[in-house]
N, C-alpha and C. Protein backbone atom coordinates (compact mmCIF):
# COMPACT_ATOMS: atom_id res chain seq x y z
N MET A 1 37.11 11.62 -6.43
CA MET A 1 37.19 12.06 -7.82
C MET A 1 35.85 11.81 -8.51
N THR A 2 35.58 12.61 -9.50
CA THR A 2 34.37 12.43 -10.26
C THR A 2 34.72 12.22 -11.72
N GLY A 3 33.70 11.86 -12.49
CA GLY A 3 33.93 11.66 -13.92
C GLY A 3 33.78 10.20 -14.30
N ARG A 4 33.50 10.00 -15.51
CA ARG A 4 33.21 8.67 -16.01
C ARG A 4 34.33 7.65 -15.81
N PRO A 5 35.61 7.99 -16.12
CA PRO A 5 36.65 6.97 -15.95
C PRO A 5 36.72 6.40 -14.54
N ASP A 6 36.37 7.21 -13.52
CA ASP A 6 36.41 6.71 -12.16
C ASP A 6 35.25 5.75 -11.88
N ARG A 7 34.08 6.06 -12.42
CA ARG A 7 32.91 5.21 -12.17
C ARG A 7 33.05 3.85 -12.84
N ASP A 8 33.65 3.82 -14.00
CA ASP A 8 33.74 2.54 -14.71
C ASP A 8 35.15 1.96 -14.71
N ALA A 9 36.04 2.57 -13.91
CA ALA A 9 37.42 2.10 -13.75
C ALA A 9 38.19 2.08 -15.07
N GLY A 10 37.80 2.95 -16.01
CA GLY A 10 38.50 3.01 -17.28
C GLY A 10 38.12 1.90 -18.24
N ARG A 11 36.86 1.51 -18.24
CA ARG A 11 36.40 0.40 -19.07
C ARG A 11 36.73 0.62 -20.54
N ARG A 12 36.36 1.76 -21.09
CA ARG A 12 36.60 2.01 -22.52
C ARG A 12 38.09 2.04 -22.84
N GLU A 13 38.86 2.60 -21.96
CA GLU A 13 40.31 2.64 -22.18
C GLU A 13 40.91 1.24 -22.16
N LEU A 14 40.42 0.41 -21.24
CA LEU A 14 40.88 -0.98 -21.19
C LEU A 14 40.47 -1.72 -22.45
N GLN A 15 39.24 -1.51 -22.90
CA GLN A 15 38.79 -2.14 -24.15
C GLN A 15 39.71 -1.75 -25.31
N ALA A 16 40.03 -0.47 -25.42
CA ALA A 16 40.89 0.00 -26.51
C ALA A 16 42.30 -0.59 -26.39
N THR A 17 42.80 -0.66 -25.16
CA THR A 17 44.15 -1.21 -24.95
C THR A 17 44.19 -2.70 -25.32
N LEU A 18 43.21 -3.45 -24.84
CA LEU A 18 43.18 -4.88 -25.17
C LEU A 18 42.97 -5.11 -26.66
N ALA A 19 42.10 -4.32 -27.28
CA ALA A 19 41.85 -4.47 -28.72
C ALA A 19 43.13 -4.23 -29.51
N THR A 20 43.88 -3.23 -29.10
CA THR A 20 45.13 -2.91 -29.80
C THR A 20 46.19 -3.97 -29.55
N LEU A 21 46.37 -4.36 -28.29
CA LEU A 21 47.39 -5.35 -27.97
C LEU A 21 47.08 -6.71 -28.58
N ALA A 22 45.81 -7.01 -28.84
CA ALA A 22 45.46 -8.28 -29.47
C ALA A 22 45.98 -8.38 -30.89
N LEU A 23 46.36 -7.25 -31.47
CA LEU A 23 46.96 -7.28 -32.80
C LEU A 23 48.31 -8.00 -32.79
N ILE A 24 48.98 -8.02 -31.64
CA ILE A 24 50.30 -8.69 -31.54
C ILE A 24 50.16 -10.19 -31.76
N PRO A 25 49.35 -10.91 -30.97
CA PRO A 25 49.23 -12.35 -31.24
C PRO A 25 48.60 -12.64 -32.59
N PHE A 26 47.71 -11.76 -33.03
CA PHE A 26 47.10 -11.96 -34.35
C PHE A 26 48.16 -11.90 -35.44
N GLY A 27 49.03 -10.91 -35.38
CA GLY A 27 50.09 -10.76 -36.39
C GLY A 27 51.13 -11.85 -36.32
N PHE A 28 51.65 -12.11 -35.11
CA PHE A 28 52.66 -13.15 -34.96
C PHE A 28 52.09 -14.53 -35.24
N GLY A 29 50.84 -14.75 -34.81
CA GLY A 29 50.21 -16.04 -35.09
C GLY A 29 50.03 -16.26 -36.57
N SER A 30 49.55 -15.23 -37.27
CA SER A 30 49.38 -15.34 -38.73
C SER A 30 50.71 -15.63 -39.41
N ALA A 31 51.71 -14.84 -39.07
CA ALA A 31 53.03 -15.02 -39.70
C ALA A 31 53.61 -16.39 -39.39
N GLY A 32 53.46 -16.84 -38.13
CA GLY A 32 53.99 -18.15 -37.76
C GLY A 32 53.32 -19.28 -38.49
N MET A 33 52.00 -19.17 -38.68
CA MET A 33 51.28 -20.22 -39.40
C MET A 33 51.64 -20.20 -40.88
N LEU A 34 51.69 -19.02 -41.48
CA LEU A 34 51.89 -18.91 -42.92
C LEU A 34 53.34 -19.07 -43.36
N VAL A 35 54.26 -18.54 -42.59
CA VAL A 35 55.68 -18.53 -42.98
C VAL A 35 56.48 -19.60 -42.26
N GLY A 36 56.04 -19.96 -41.07
CA GLY A 36 56.76 -20.97 -40.30
C GLY A 36 57.97 -20.38 -39.59
N PRO A 37 58.90 -21.22 -39.18
CA PRO A 37 60.05 -20.77 -38.40
C PRO A 37 60.96 -19.78 -39.13
N ARG A 38 60.84 -19.68 -40.44
CA ARG A 38 61.62 -18.66 -41.15
C ARG A 38 61.25 -17.27 -40.66
N ASN A 39 60.10 -17.15 -40.02
CA ASN A 39 59.62 -15.89 -39.48
C ASN A 39 60.41 -15.44 -38.26
N LEU A 40 61.14 -16.34 -37.60
CA LEU A 40 61.90 -16.00 -36.40
C LEU A 40 63.00 -15.01 -36.72
N PRO A 41 63.15 -13.96 -35.91
CA PRO A 41 64.24 -13.01 -36.14
C PRO A 41 65.60 -13.70 -36.05
N GLY A 42 66.43 -13.48 -37.02
CA GLY A 42 67.78 -14.02 -37.02
C GLY A 42 67.87 -15.50 -37.30
N ASN A 43 66.80 -16.15 -37.70
CA ASN A 43 66.83 -17.58 -37.95
C ASN A 43 67.60 -17.87 -39.23
N GLN A 44 68.70 -18.57 -39.10
CA GLN A 44 69.54 -18.93 -40.24
C GLN A 44 69.60 -20.44 -40.45
N ILE A 45 68.91 -21.20 -39.60
CA ILE A 45 69.01 -22.65 -39.69
C ILE A 45 67.78 -23.24 -40.36
N ARG A 46 67.99 -24.35 -40.98
CA ARG A 46 66.88 -25.10 -41.58
C ARG A 46 66.38 -26.06 -40.51
N VAL A 47 65.08 -26.14 -40.36
CA VAL A 47 64.50 -27.00 -39.33
C VAL A 47 63.85 -28.21 -39.99
N ASP A 48 63.71 -29.26 -39.21
CA ASP A 48 63.07 -30.45 -39.77
C ASP A 48 61.56 -30.28 -39.81
N ALA A 49 60.91 -31.19 -40.48
CA ALA A 49 59.47 -31.09 -40.71
C ALA A 49 58.68 -31.14 -39.40
N SER A 50 59.13 -31.90 -38.43
CA SER A 50 58.41 -31.99 -37.15
C SER A 50 58.44 -30.65 -36.41
N PHE A 51 59.60 -30.00 -36.38
CA PHE A 51 59.70 -28.69 -35.73
C PHE A 51 58.84 -27.67 -36.46
N ASP A 52 58.90 -27.68 -37.79
CA ASP A 52 58.09 -26.75 -38.58
C ASP A 52 56.60 -26.97 -38.30
N SER A 53 56.19 -28.21 -38.24
CA SER A 53 54.80 -28.54 -37.97
C SER A 53 54.37 -28.04 -36.59
N GLU A 54 55.18 -28.31 -35.59
CA GLU A 54 54.86 -27.88 -34.22
C GLU A 54 54.84 -26.36 -34.11
N TYR A 55 55.77 -25.70 -34.74
CA TYR A 55 55.85 -24.24 -34.72
C TYR A 55 54.56 -23.64 -35.29
N ARG A 56 54.14 -24.13 -36.44
CA ARG A 56 52.93 -23.61 -37.08
C ARG A 56 51.68 -23.92 -36.25
N PHE A 57 51.64 -25.10 -35.65
CA PHE A 57 50.52 -25.49 -34.80
C PHE A 57 50.39 -24.54 -33.61
N VAL A 58 51.48 -24.29 -32.91
CA VAL A 58 51.46 -23.41 -31.75
C VAL A 58 51.03 -21.99 -32.14
N HIS A 59 51.44 -21.56 -33.31
CA HIS A 59 51.07 -20.22 -33.74
C HIS A 59 49.58 -20.09 -34.07
N ALA A 60 48.91 -21.20 -34.31
CA ALA A 60 47.46 -21.15 -34.48
C ALA A 60 46.79 -20.71 -33.18
N PHE A 61 47.37 -21.08 -32.03
CA PHE A 61 46.83 -20.65 -30.75
C PHE A 61 47.00 -19.14 -30.56
N TRP A 62 48.18 -18.63 -30.94
CA TRP A 62 48.39 -17.18 -30.87
C TRP A 62 47.37 -16.47 -31.75
N PHE A 63 47.21 -16.98 -32.95
CA PHE A 63 46.26 -16.38 -33.89
C PHE A 63 44.85 -16.38 -33.29
N ALA A 64 44.45 -17.48 -32.69
CA ALA A 64 43.10 -17.62 -32.14
C ALA A 64 42.88 -16.77 -30.90
N ALA A 65 43.94 -16.42 -30.20
CA ALA A 65 43.80 -15.61 -28.99
C ALA A 65 43.20 -14.24 -29.29
N ALA A 66 43.56 -13.66 -30.40
CA ALA A 66 43.08 -12.31 -30.72
C ALA A 66 41.56 -12.25 -30.86
N PRO A 67 40.93 -13.10 -31.67
CA PRO A 67 39.47 -13.04 -31.74
C PRO A 67 38.77 -13.34 -30.42
N VAL A 68 39.38 -14.17 -29.59
CA VAL A 68 38.80 -14.43 -28.27
C VAL A 68 38.82 -13.14 -27.45
N ILE A 69 39.93 -12.44 -27.47
CA ILE A 69 40.03 -11.17 -26.75
C ILE A 69 39.02 -10.18 -27.31
N TRP A 70 39.01 -10.03 -28.63
CA TRP A 70 38.11 -9.06 -29.25
C TRP A 70 36.64 -9.38 -28.94
N SER A 71 36.28 -10.65 -28.95
CA SER A 71 34.88 -11.01 -28.71
C SER A 71 34.47 -10.78 -27.26
N SER A 72 35.42 -10.73 -26.34
CA SER A 72 35.09 -10.51 -24.94
C SER A 72 34.95 -9.04 -24.59
N LEU A 73 35.40 -8.14 -25.44
CA LEU A 73 35.42 -6.72 -25.11
C LEU A 73 34.04 -6.11 -24.85
N PRO A 74 33.01 -6.45 -25.61
CA PRO A 74 31.70 -5.83 -25.34
C PRO A 74 31.12 -6.17 -23.96
N ARG A 75 31.50 -7.30 -23.40
CA ARG A 75 30.97 -7.72 -22.10
C ARG A 75 32.08 -7.83 -21.06
N LEU A 76 33.04 -6.96 -21.16
CA LEU A 76 34.21 -6.97 -20.30
C LEU A 76 33.86 -6.95 -18.82
N GLU A 77 32.86 -6.16 -18.47
CA GLU A 77 32.49 -6.03 -17.05
C GLU A 77 31.86 -7.30 -16.49
N GLN A 78 31.51 -8.24 -17.34
CA GLN A 78 30.97 -9.52 -16.88
C GLN A 78 32.08 -10.52 -16.58
N ASP A 79 33.34 -10.10 -16.76
CA ASP A 79 34.51 -10.94 -16.48
C ASP A 79 34.46 -12.25 -17.25
N PRO A 80 34.48 -12.19 -18.59
CA PRO A 80 34.39 -13.40 -19.41
C PRO A 80 35.51 -14.40 -19.09
N ILE A 81 35.11 -15.64 -18.89
CA ILE A 81 36.09 -16.69 -18.56
C ILE A 81 37.09 -16.89 -19.70
N ALA A 82 36.66 -16.70 -20.93
CA ALA A 82 37.57 -16.87 -22.06
C ALA A 82 38.70 -15.85 -22.00
N LEU A 83 38.40 -14.63 -21.62
CA LEU A 83 39.44 -13.61 -21.50
C LEU A 83 40.41 -13.97 -20.38
N ARG A 84 39.88 -14.43 -19.26
CA ARG A 84 40.77 -14.85 -18.17
C ARG A 84 41.66 -16.01 -18.61
N ALA A 85 41.10 -16.93 -19.38
CA ALA A 85 41.90 -18.07 -19.86
C ALA A 85 43.01 -17.61 -20.79
N VAL A 86 42.71 -16.70 -21.69
CA VAL A 86 43.74 -16.22 -22.61
C VAL A 86 44.82 -15.46 -21.84
N LEU A 87 44.42 -14.54 -20.97
CA LEU A 87 45.41 -13.78 -20.22
C LEU A 87 46.26 -14.70 -19.34
N GLY A 88 45.64 -15.67 -18.69
CA GLY A 88 46.39 -16.61 -17.86
C GLY A 88 47.36 -17.45 -18.68
N THR A 89 46.94 -17.86 -19.86
CA THR A 89 47.82 -18.64 -20.74
C THR A 89 49.02 -17.82 -21.19
N VAL A 90 48.79 -16.55 -21.46
CA VAL A 90 49.90 -15.67 -21.86
C VAL A 90 50.91 -15.55 -20.73
N VAL A 91 50.44 -15.36 -19.50
CA VAL A 91 51.36 -15.27 -18.36
C VAL A 91 52.11 -16.59 -18.19
N LEU A 92 51.42 -17.70 -18.29
CA LEU A 92 52.08 -19.01 -18.20
C LEU A 92 53.16 -19.14 -19.28
N GLY A 93 52.84 -18.70 -20.48
CA GLY A 93 53.83 -18.72 -21.56
C GLY A 93 55.05 -17.86 -21.25
N GLY A 94 54.83 -16.75 -20.57
CA GLY A 94 55.96 -15.90 -20.16
C GLY A 94 56.89 -16.64 -19.21
N PHE A 95 56.32 -17.40 -18.28
CA PHE A 95 57.16 -18.20 -17.38
C PHE A 95 57.90 -19.29 -18.15
N ALA A 96 57.26 -19.87 -19.14
CA ALA A 96 57.94 -20.87 -19.98
C ALA A 96 59.12 -20.23 -20.71
N ARG A 97 58.93 -19.00 -21.19
CA ARG A 97 60.04 -18.30 -21.85
C ARG A 97 61.18 -18.05 -20.87
N LEU A 98 60.84 -17.70 -19.63
CA LEU A 98 61.90 -17.50 -18.63
C LEU A 98 62.69 -18.79 -18.39
N MET A 99 61.99 -19.93 -18.36
CA MET A 99 62.67 -21.22 -18.22
C MET A 99 63.63 -21.44 -19.38
N SER A 100 63.17 -21.14 -20.57
CA SER A 100 64.01 -21.30 -21.75
C SER A 100 65.24 -20.41 -21.65
N TRP A 101 65.04 -19.18 -21.26
CA TRP A 101 66.16 -18.23 -21.11
C TRP A 101 67.19 -18.79 -20.15
N ARG A 102 66.72 -19.30 -19.02
CA ARG A 102 67.64 -19.85 -18.03
C ARG A 102 68.40 -21.08 -18.55
N GLN A 103 67.70 -21.92 -19.31
CA GLN A 103 68.30 -23.17 -19.75
C GLN A 103 69.13 -23.04 -21.03
N THR A 104 68.76 -22.11 -21.90
CA THR A 104 69.44 -22.05 -23.20
C THR A 104 70.11 -20.72 -23.50
N GLY A 105 69.90 -19.72 -22.65
CA GLY A 105 70.53 -18.42 -22.87
C GLY A 105 69.53 -17.34 -23.27
N ARG A 106 70.05 -16.13 -23.27
CA ARG A 106 69.21 -14.96 -23.57
C ARG A 106 68.69 -15.02 -25.00
N PRO A 107 67.37 -14.82 -25.15
CA PRO A 107 66.82 -14.79 -26.51
C PRO A 107 67.06 -13.42 -27.17
N ARG A 108 66.67 -13.30 -28.40
CA ARG A 108 66.77 -12.03 -29.13
C ARG A 108 65.89 -10.98 -28.45
N PRO A 109 66.21 -9.70 -28.65
CA PRO A 109 65.47 -8.63 -27.96
C PRO A 109 63.95 -8.68 -28.14
N VAL A 110 63.45 -9.07 -29.30
CA VAL A 110 62.01 -9.12 -29.49
C VAL A 110 61.36 -10.11 -28.53
N PHE A 111 62.07 -11.17 -28.19
CA PHE A 111 61.52 -12.16 -27.27
C PHE A 111 61.68 -11.72 -25.81
N VAL A 112 62.71 -10.94 -25.51
CA VAL A 112 62.84 -10.35 -24.18
C VAL A 112 61.66 -9.38 -23.98
N GLY A 113 61.34 -8.62 -25.03
CA GLY A 113 60.17 -7.76 -24.97
C GLY A 113 58.90 -8.54 -24.77
N GLY A 114 58.82 -9.70 -25.41
CA GLY A 114 57.65 -10.58 -25.21
C GLY A 114 57.51 -11.02 -23.77
N ILE A 115 58.63 -11.35 -23.15
CA ILE A 115 58.61 -11.76 -21.74
C ILE A 115 58.10 -10.61 -20.87
N ALA A 116 58.57 -9.41 -21.13
CA ALA A 116 58.10 -8.25 -20.37
C ALA A 116 56.60 -8.04 -20.56
N LEU A 117 56.16 -8.16 -21.78
CA LEU A 117 54.72 -8.02 -22.06
C LEU A 117 53.92 -9.08 -21.32
N GLU A 118 54.41 -10.31 -21.37
CA GLU A 118 53.69 -11.44 -20.80
C GLU A 118 53.69 -11.45 -19.27
N LEU A 119 54.78 -10.99 -18.66
CA LEU A 119 54.90 -11.10 -17.20
C LEU A 119 54.71 -9.79 -16.46
N VAL A 120 54.64 -8.66 -17.17
CA VAL A 120 54.44 -7.37 -16.51
C VAL A 120 53.15 -6.72 -17.01
N ILE A 121 53.05 -6.53 -18.32
CA ILE A 121 51.91 -5.81 -18.89
C ILE A 121 50.61 -6.61 -18.75
N VAL A 122 50.64 -7.89 -19.09
CA VAL A 122 49.41 -8.70 -19.03
C VAL A 122 48.89 -8.81 -17.60
N PRO A 123 49.73 -9.07 -16.58
CA PRO A 123 49.18 -9.05 -15.21
C PRO A 123 48.60 -7.68 -14.83
N ALA A 124 49.21 -6.60 -15.29
CA ALA A 124 48.66 -5.27 -15.02
C ALA A 124 47.30 -5.11 -15.68
N LEU A 125 47.16 -5.63 -16.90
CA LEU A 125 45.86 -5.58 -17.58
C LEU A 125 44.82 -6.41 -16.83
N TRP A 126 45.24 -7.55 -16.27
CA TRP A 126 44.33 -8.39 -15.50
C TRP A 126 43.82 -7.62 -14.27
N ILE A 127 44.73 -6.94 -13.58
CA ILE A 127 44.34 -6.15 -12.41
C ILE A 127 43.36 -5.05 -12.83
N TRP A 128 43.65 -4.40 -13.95
CA TRP A 128 42.77 -3.36 -14.47
C TRP A 128 41.39 -3.94 -14.79
N LYS A 129 41.39 -5.11 -15.45
CA LYS A 129 40.13 -5.79 -15.77
C LYS A 129 39.34 -6.07 -14.50
N ASP A 130 40.01 -6.53 -13.46
CA ASP A 130 39.33 -6.81 -12.20
C ASP A 130 38.72 -5.54 -11.60
N ARG A 131 39.41 -4.41 -11.75
CA ARG A 131 38.85 -3.13 -11.27
C ARG A 131 37.59 -2.78 -12.04
N VAL A 132 37.61 -2.99 -13.35
CA VAL A 132 36.42 -2.73 -14.18
C VAL A 132 35.26 -3.62 -13.74
N VAL A 133 35.54 -4.88 -13.49
CA VAL A 133 34.50 -5.82 -13.05
C VAL A 133 33.92 -5.38 -11.71
N ARG A 134 34.81 -5.04 -10.76
CA ARG A 134 34.33 -4.59 -9.45
C ARG A 134 33.50 -3.32 -9.55
N ALA A 135 33.94 -2.38 -10.39
CA ALA A 135 33.19 -1.13 -10.57
C ALA A 135 31.81 -1.41 -11.15
N ALA A 136 31.73 -2.32 -12.11
CA ALA A 136 30.44 -2.66 -12.72
C ALA A 136 29.53 -3.33 -11.70
N ARG A 137 30.08 -4.19 -10.88
CA ARG A 137 29.26 -4.86 -9.86
C ARG A 137 28.78 -3.87 -8.80
N ALA A 138 29.64 -2.93 -8.45
CA ALA A 138 29.26 -1.92 -7.45
C ALA A 138 28.19 -0.98 -7.98
N ALA A 139 28.20 -0.73 -9.29
CA ALA A 139 27.23 0.16 -9.90
C ALA A 139 25.87 -0.50 -10.09
N SER A 140 25.85 -1.83 -10.05
CA SER A 140 24.55 -2.50 -10.31
C SER A 140 23.81 -2.83 -9.03
């Protein structure tokens, strides 16, 4: 095959996909930090101060993931370690959600979607990123 997407393994498309998907942790992280556990879908319970504190703290990591992803996009073909760390952490979080599901029951649909994103889409993006890196190395 010929054409730019084949030579660069879809670099620009991957950049656009990652930039767009980074809006998810940015939005949820912001909401979690600012609103706290009241932000959870279907949450009807009042939580204690320690849970609220921990919830907001964890959401700061989600919030911070987006700028890390965005900052890695211009040098994607260099395989930035920060991007690998964020993607790996997201996959690890997906496994933690699966543990929770097994131990406490099925979460709300938005969280089931999160598990799919974390354990299916993110690994696929990692594979795509690796193709971009290999294509860039082969071209140089």
